[in-house]
PDB file of N, CA and C in Angstrom:
ATOM      1  N   GLN A   1       0.684  -1.224  -0.035  1.00  0.00           N
ATOM      2  CA  GLN A   1       0.207  -0.255  -0.069  1.00  0.00           C
ATOM      3  C   GLN A   1       0.906   1.457   0.030  1.00  0.00           C
ATOM      4  N   ALA A   2       0.487   2.332  -0.264  1.00  0.00           N
ATOM      5  CA  ALA A   2       0.962   3.172  -0.357  1.00  0.00           C
ATOM      6  C   ALA A   2       1.278   4.125   0.753  1.00  0.00           C
ATOM      7  N   ASP A   3       0.314   4.196   1.622  1.00  0.00           N
ATOM      8  CA  ASP A   3       0.481   4.450   3.031  1.00  0.00           C
ATOM      9  C   ASP A   3       1.557   3.766   4.264  1.00  0.00           C
ATOM     10  N   CYS A   4       1.865   2.842   3.287  1.00  0.00           N
ATOM     11  CA  CYS A   4       3.038   1.249   4.175  1.00  0.00           C
ATOM     12  C   CYS A   4       4.266   2.203   4.014  1.00  0.00           C
ATOM     13  N   THR A   5       4.962   2.712   5.227  1.00  0.00           N
ATOM     14  CA  THR A   5       6.241   3.816   5.166  1.00  0.00           C
ATOM     15  C   THR A   5       7.003   2.920   6.010  1.00  0.00           C
ATOM     16  N   LYS A   6       8.159   2.139   4.975  1.00  0.00           N
ATOM     17  CA  LYS A   6       9.027   1.579   5.652  1.00  0.00           C
ATOM     18  C   LYS A   6      10.244   1.960   6.319  1.00  0.00           C
ATOM     19  N   GLY A   7      10.354   1.713   7.235  1.00  0.00           N
ATOM     20  CA  GLY A   7      11.404   2.472   8.342  1.00  0.00           C
ATOM     21  C   GLY A   7      10.750   3.779   9.494  1.00  0.00           C
ATOM     22  N   LYS A   8       9.600   3.703   8.931  1.00  0.00           N
ATOM     23  CA  LYS A   8       9.111   4.973   9.896  1.00  0.00           C
ATOM     24  C   LYS A   8       7.918   3.942  10.690  1.00  0.00           C
ATOM     25  N   THR A   9       8.333   3.287  12.268  1.00  0.00           N
ATOM     26  CA  THR A   9       7.339   2.583  12.942  1.00  0.00           C
ATOM     27  C   THR A   9       7.022   3.712  13.897  1.00  0.00           C
ATOM     28  N   PRO A  10       5.679   3.468  14.250  1.00  0.00           N
ATOM     29  CA  PRO A  10       4.976   4.289  15.386  1.00  0.00           C
ATOM     30  C   PRO A  10       5.598   3.708  16.524  1.00  0.00           C
ATOM     31  N   ASP A  11       5.188   4.231  17.726  1.00  0.00           N
ATOM     32  CA  ASP A  11       5.752   3.723  18.887  1.00  0.00           C
ATOM     33  C   ASP A  11       5.050   3.033  19.646  1.00  0.00           C
ATOM     34  N   THR A  12       3.668   3.620  19.149  1.00  0.00           N
ATOM     35  CA  THR A  12       2.270   2.550  19.766  1.00  0.00           C
ATOM     36  C   THR A  12       1.430   2.806  18.019  1.00  0.00           C
ATOM     37  N   LEU A  13       0.333   1.575  18.012  1.00  0.00           N
ATOM     38  CA  LEU A  13      -0.557   1.818  17.155  1.00  0.00           C
ATOM     39  C   LEU A  13      -1.550   1.466  17.657  1.00  0.00           C
ATOM     40  N   ALA A  14      -2.840   2.496  17.192  1.00  0.00           N
ATOM     41  CA  ALA A  14      -4.375   2.348  18.050  1.00  0.00           C
ATOM     42  C   ALA A  14      -5.377   1.922  16.833  1.00  0.00           C
ATOM     43  N   GLY A  15      -6.036   1.169  17.004  1.00  0.00           N
ATOM     44  CA  GLY A  15      -6.807   0.216  15.809  1.00  0.00           C
ATOM     45  C   GLY A  15      -7.723  -0.318  16.543  1.00  0.00           C
ATOM     46  N   GLN A  16      -8.757  -1.172  15.361  1.00  0.00           N
ATOM     47  CA  GLN A  16      -9.452  -1.963  15.983  1.00  0.00           C
ATOM     48  C   GLN A  16      -8.752  -3.758  15.498  1.00  0.00           C
ATOM     49  N   VAL A  17      -9.676  -4.571  16.402  1.00  0.00           N
ATOM     50  CA  VAL A  17      -8.952  -5.799  15.861  1.00  0.00           C
ATOM     51  C   VAL A  17      -9.449  -6.638  14.870  1.00  0.00           C
ATOM     52  N   VAL A  18      -9.503  -7.315  13.649  1.00  0.00           N
ATOM     53  CA  VAL A  18      -9.849  -7.531  12.723  1.00  0.00           C
ATOM     54  C   VAL A  18     -10.058  -8.971  12.328  1.00  0.00           C
ATOM     55  N   ALA A  19      -8.848  -9.858  13.299  1.00  0.00           N
ATOM     56  CA  ALA A  19      -8.583 -11.078  13.479  1.00  0.00           C
ATOM     57  C   ALA A  19      -7.900 -11.526  14.012  1.00  0.00           C
ATOM     58  N   VAL A  20      -8.001 -12.922  15.215  1.00  0.00           N
ATOM     59  CA  VAL A  20      -7.282 -13.284  15.913  1.00  0.00           C
ATOM     60  C   VAL A  20      -6.536 -14.822  15.594  1.00  0.00           C
ATOM     61  N   ASP A  21      -5.765 -15.349  15.605  1.00  0.00           N
ATOM     62  CA  ASP A  21      -5.640 -16.904  15.278  1.00  0.00           C
ATOM     63  C   ASP A  21      -4.291 -17.266  16.450  1.00  0.00           C
ATOM     64  N   LEU A  22      -5.238 -18.045  17.395  1.00  0.00           N
ATOM     65  CA  LEU A  22      -4.404 -18.474  18.522  1.00  0.00           C
ATOM     66  C   LEU A  22      -3.894 -19.642  17.991  1.00  0.00           C
ATOM     67  N   ASN A  23      -3.932 -20.294  17.016  1.00  0.00           N
ATOM     68  CA  ASN A  23      -2.734 -21.393  16.698  1.00  0.00           C
ATOM     69  C   ASN A  23      -1.551 -20.831  16.030  1.00  0.00           C
ATOM     70  N   GLN A  24      -1.221 -19.639  15.019  1.00  0.00           N
ATOM     71  CA  GLN A  24      -0.324 -19.016  14.645  1.00  0.00           C
ATOM     72  C   GLN A  24       0.051 -18.034  15.696  1.00  0.00           C
ATOM     73  N   GLY A  25      -0.477 -17.521  16.771  1.00  0.00           N
ATOM     74  CA  GLY A  25      -0.378 -16.780  17.437  1.00  0.00           C
ATOM     75  C   GLY A  25       0.030 -15.003  17.119  1.00  0.00           C
ATOM     76  N   LYS A  26      -1.098 -15.079  15.753  1.00  0.00           N
ATOM     77  CA  LYS A  26      -1.099 -13.559  15.351  1.00  0.00           C
ATOM     78  C   LYS A  26      -2.338 -13.135  15.594  1.00  0.00           C
ATOM     79  N   VAL A  27      -2.490 -11.707  15.777  1.00  0.00           N
ATOM     80  CA  VAL A  27      -3.312 -11.025  15.506  1.00  0.00           C
ATOM     81  C   VAL A  27      -3.958 -10.104  14.808  1.00  0.00           C
ATOM     82  N   THR A  28      -4.535  -9.522  13.825  1.00  0.00           N
ATOM     83  CA  THR A  28      -4.588  -8.369  13.013  1.00  0.00           C
ATOM     84  C   THR A  28      -5.165  -7.389  13.382  1.00  0.00           C
ATOM     85  N   VAL A  29      -4.535  -6.084  13.229  1.00  0.00           N
ATOM     86  CA  VAL A  29      -5.572  -4.716  13.303  1.00  0.00           C
ATOM     87  C   VAL A  29      -5.144  -3.799  12.523  1.00  0.00           C
ATOM     88  N   ARG A  30      -6.721  -3.407  12.272  1.00  0.00           N
ATOM     89  CA  ARG A  30      -6.541  -2.157  11.275  1.00  0.00           C
ATOM     90  C   ARG A  30      -6.268  -0.498  12.427  1.00  0.00           C
ATOM     91  N   GLY A  31      -5.330  -0.035  11.798  1.00  0.00           N
ATOM     92  CA  GLY A  31      -4.810   0.868  12.628  1.00  0.00           C
ATOM     93  C   GLY A  31      -6.290   2.015  12.335  1.00  0.00           C
ATOM     94  N   ASN A  32      -5.627   3.300  13.222  1.00  0.00           N
ATOM     95  CA  ASN A  32      -6.817   4.518  12.718  1.00  0.00           C
ATOM     96  C   ASN A  32      -6.927   4.876  11.737  1.00  0.00           C
ATOM     97  N   ASP A  33      -5.274   4.557  11.175  1.00  0.00           N
ATOM     98  CA  ASP A  33      -4.815   5.231   9.940  1.00  0.00           C
ATOM     99  C   ASP A  33      -5.427   4.442   8.198  1.00  0.00           C
ATOM    100  N   GLY A  34      -6.229   3.158   8.532  1.00  0.00           N
ATOM    101  CA  GLY A  34      -7.040   2.455   7.939  1.00  0.00           C
ATOM    102  C   GLY A  34      -6.186   1.340   7.223  1.00  0.00           C
ATOM    103  N   ALA A  35      -4.755   1.634   7.631  1.00  0.00           N
ATOM    104  CA  ALA A  35      -3.747   0.421   7.314  1.00  0.00           C
ATOM    105  C   ALA A  35      -4.046  -1.129   7.959  1.00  0.00           C
ATOM    106  N   THR A  36      -3.780  -1.950   7.410  1.00  0.00           N
ATOM    107  CA  THR A  36      -3.756  -3.421   8.399  1.00  0.00           C
ATOM    108  C   THR A  36      -2.541  -3.945   8.844  1.00  0.00           C
ATOM    109  N   HIS A  37      -2.267  -3.954   9.805  1.00  0.00           N
ATOM    110  CA  HIS A  37      -1.141  -4.733  10.761  1.00  0.00           C
ATOM    111  C   HIS A  37      -1.790  -6.212  11.374  1.00  0.00           C
ATOM    112  N   GLU A  38      -0.451  -7.253  10.825  1.00  0.00           N
ATOM    113  CA  GLU A  38      -0.365  -8.441  11.645  1.00  0.00           C
ATOM    114  C   GLU A  38       1.030  -8.115  12.786  1.00  0.00           C
ATOM    115  N   PHE A  39       0.588  -8.744  13.771  1.00  0.00           N
ATOM    116  CA  PHE A  39       1.292  -8.924  15.113  1.00  0.00           C
ATOM    117  C   PHE A  39       1.389 -10.432  15.724  1.00  0.00           C
ATOM    118  N   GLN A  40       3.036 -11.054  16.049  1.00  0.00           N
ATOM    119  CA  GLN A  40       2.787 -11.864  16.814  1.00  0.00           C
ATOM    120  C   GLN A  40       2.716 -11.660  17.951  1.00  0.00           C
ATOM    121  N   ALA A  41       2.116 -12.579  18.737  1.00  0.00           N
ATOM    122  CA  ALA A  41       1.971 -12.623  20.316  1.00  0.00           C
ATOM    123  C   ALA A  41       1.589 -13.499  20.911  1.00  0.00           C
ATOM    124  N   SER A  42       1.899 -14.170  22.242  1.00  0.00           N
ATOM    125  CA  SER A  42       1.809 -15.769  22.769  1.00  0.00           C
ATOM    126  C   SER A  42       0.372 -15.773  22.854  1.00  0.00           C
ATOM    127  N   LYS A  43      -0.257 -17.117  22.837  1.00  0.00           N
ATOM    128  CA  LYS A  43      -1.470 -17.259  23.163  1.00  0.00           C
ATOM    129  C   LYS A  43      -2.156 -16.799  24.382  1.00  0.00           C
ATOM    130  N   GLU A  44      -1.202 -16.664  25.365  1.00  0.00           N
ATOM    131  CA  GLU A  44      -1.618 -15.639  26.761  1.00  0.00           C
ATOM    132  C   GLU A  44      -2.371 -14.596  26.221  1.00  0.00           C
ATOM    133  N   THR A  45      -1.626 -13.834  25.473  1.00  0.00           N
ATOM    134  CA  THR A  45      -2.095 -12.368  25.233  1.00  0.00           C
ATOM    135  C   THR A  45      -3.216 -12.203  24.169  1.00  0.00           C
ATOM    136  N   LEU A  46      -3.018 -13.470  23.111  1.00  0.00           N
ATOM    137  CA  LEU A  46      -4.218 -13.145  22.353  1.00  0.00           C
ATOM    138  C   LEU A  46      -5.366 -13.523  22.986  1.00  0.00           C
ATOM    139  N   GLN A  47      -5.766 -14.492  24.165  1.00  0.00           N
ATOM    140  CA  GLN A  47      -6.741 -14.700  24.524  1.00  0.00           C
ATOM    141  C   GLN A  47      -7.986 -14.005  24.933  1.00  0.00           C
ATOM    142  N   GLY A  48      -7.137 -12.130  25.228  1.00  0.00           N
ATOM    143  CA  GLY A  48      -7.614 -11.277  25.670  1.00  0.00           C
ATOM    144  C   GLY A  48      -8.391 -10.203  25.084  1.00  0.00           C
ATOM    145  N   TYR A  49      -8.023 -10.842  23.533  1.00  0.00           N
ATOM    146  CA  TYR A  49      -8.514 -10.343  22.116  1.00  0.00           C
ATOM    147  C   TYR A  49      -9.401 -10.865  21.545  1.00  0.00           C
ATOM    148  N   LYS A  50     -11.094  -9.892  20.940  1.00  0.00           N
ATOM    149  CA  LYS A  50     -11.797 -10.609  19.994  1.00  0.00           C
ATOM    150  C   LYS A  50     -12.288  -9.356  18.915  1.00  0.00           C
ATOM    151  N   VAL A  51     -12.360 -10.304  17.793  1.00  0.00           N
ATOM    152  CA  VAL A  51     -12.307  -9.540  16.611  1.00  0.00           C
ATOM    153  C   VAL A  51     -13.868  -7.887  16.972  1.00  0.00           C
ATOM    154  N   GLY A  52     -12.971  -6.787  16.526  1.00  0.00           N
ATOM    155  CA  GLY A  52     -13.643  -5.714  17.217  1.00  0.00           C
ATOM    156  C   GLY A  52     -13.532  -5.151  18.404  1.00  0.00           C
ATOM    157  N   ASP A  53     -12.848  -5.837  18.964  1.00  0.00           N
ATOM    158  CA  ASP A  53     -11.747  -5.019  20.017  1.00  0.00           C
ATOM    159  C   ASP A  53     -11.485  -3.759  19.953  1.00  0.00           C
ATOM    160  N   ARG A  54     -11.288  -2.506  20.604  1.00  0.00           N
ATOM    161  CA  ARG A  54     -10.414  -1.428  20.230  1.00  0.00           C
ATOM    162  C   ARG A  54      -9.126  -1.780  21.419  1.00  0.00           C
ATOM    163  N   ILE A  55      -8.337  -1.258  20.356  1.00  0.00           N
ATOM    164  CA  ILE A  55      -6.313  -1.448  20.871  1.00  0.00           C
ATOM    165  C   ILE A  55      -5.840  -0.510  20.941  1.00  0.00           C
ATOM    166  N   GLU A  56      -4.849  -0.462  21.912  1.00  0.00           N
ATOM    167  CA  GLU A  56      -3.810   0.084  21.579  1.00  0.00           C
ATOM    168  C   GLU A  56      -2.577  -0.213  22.177  1.00  0.00           C
ATOM    169  N   ALA A  57      -1.781  -0.651  21.035  1.00  0.00           N
ATOM    170  CA  ALA A  57      -0.471  -1.570  21.321  1.00  0.00           C
ATOM    171  C   ALA A  57       0.703  -0.785  21.398  1.00  0.00           C
ATOM    172  N   LYS A  58       1.667  -0.749  22.292  1.00  0.00           N
ATOM    173  CA  LYS A  58       3.189  -0.369  21.945  1.00  0.00           C
ATOM    174  C   LYS A  58       3.621  -1.731  21.381  1.00  0.00           C
ATOM    175  N   LEU A  59       4.462  -0.877  20.340  1.00  0.00           N
ATOM    176  CA  LEU A  59       5.100  -1.874  19.785  1.00  0.00           C
ATOM    177  C   LEU A  59       6.431  -1.879  19.709  1.00  0.00           C
ATOM    178  N   ARG A  60       6.911  -3.567  19.566  1.00  0.00           N
ATOM    179  CA  ARG A  60       8.473  -3.628  19.778  1.00  0.00           C
ATOM    180  C   ARG A  60       9.154  -3.909  18.638  1.00  0.00           C
ATOM    181  N   SER A  61       8.314  -4.318  17.466  1.00  0.00           N
ATOM    182  CA  SER A  61       9.147  -3.805  16.235  1.00  0.00           C
ATOM    183  C   SER A  61       8.447  -3.433  15.210  1.00  0.00           C
ATOM    184  N   ALA A  62       8.387  -3.164  14.081  1.00  0.00           N
ATOM    185  CA  ALA A  62       7.838  -2.598  12.879  1.00  0.00           C
ATOM    186  C   ALA A  62       6.992  -3.815  12.622  1.00  0.00           C
ATOM    187  N   PRO A  63       6.121  -2.875  12.393  1.00  0.00           N
ATOM    188  CA  PRO A  63       4.272  -4.048  11.827  1.00  0.00           C
ATOM    189  C   PRO A  63       4.781  -4.112  10.655  1.00  0.00           C
ATOM    190  N   GLU A  64       4.140  -5.695  10.202  1.00  0.00           N
ATOM    191  CA  GLU A  64       4.181  -5.831   8.795  1.00  0.00           C
ATOM    192  C   GLU A  64       2.970  -5.228   7.874  1.00  0.00           C
ATOM    193  N   CYS A  65       2.929  -4.513   7.293  1.00  0.00           N
ATOM    194  CA  CYS A  65       1.613  -3.667   6.156  1.00  0.00           C
ATOM    195  C   CYS A  65       1.071  -5.123   4.977  1.00  0.00           C
ATOM    196  N   LYS A  66       0.275  -4.509   5.035  1.00  0.00           N
ATOM    197  CA  LYS A  66      -0.728  -5.396   3.988  1.00  0.00           C
ATOM    198  C   LYS A  66      -1.062  -4.718   3.151  1.00  0.00           C
TER     199      LYS A  66
END
C-alpha cells in the first residue's frame, strides 16, 4: 500500500482487532490510519482479544504492512 512507510514505525498503534489466530499466535489490527497490521503474540496475550475490540498496542518492532 502507498500508506505503508518502511522505516517509519510508530511507537504505538491504535486501532481495531479484525482477526485473532490463536494457533499461529497472530492478531490482525486495522489501525486508525486505515492500514492493516499483523502482529505475533503469545496465546496468553491473544486470549484477551476478540474481533471488534479497540486496542492501543506498544510496538516492539515494525508492523508488517498489507
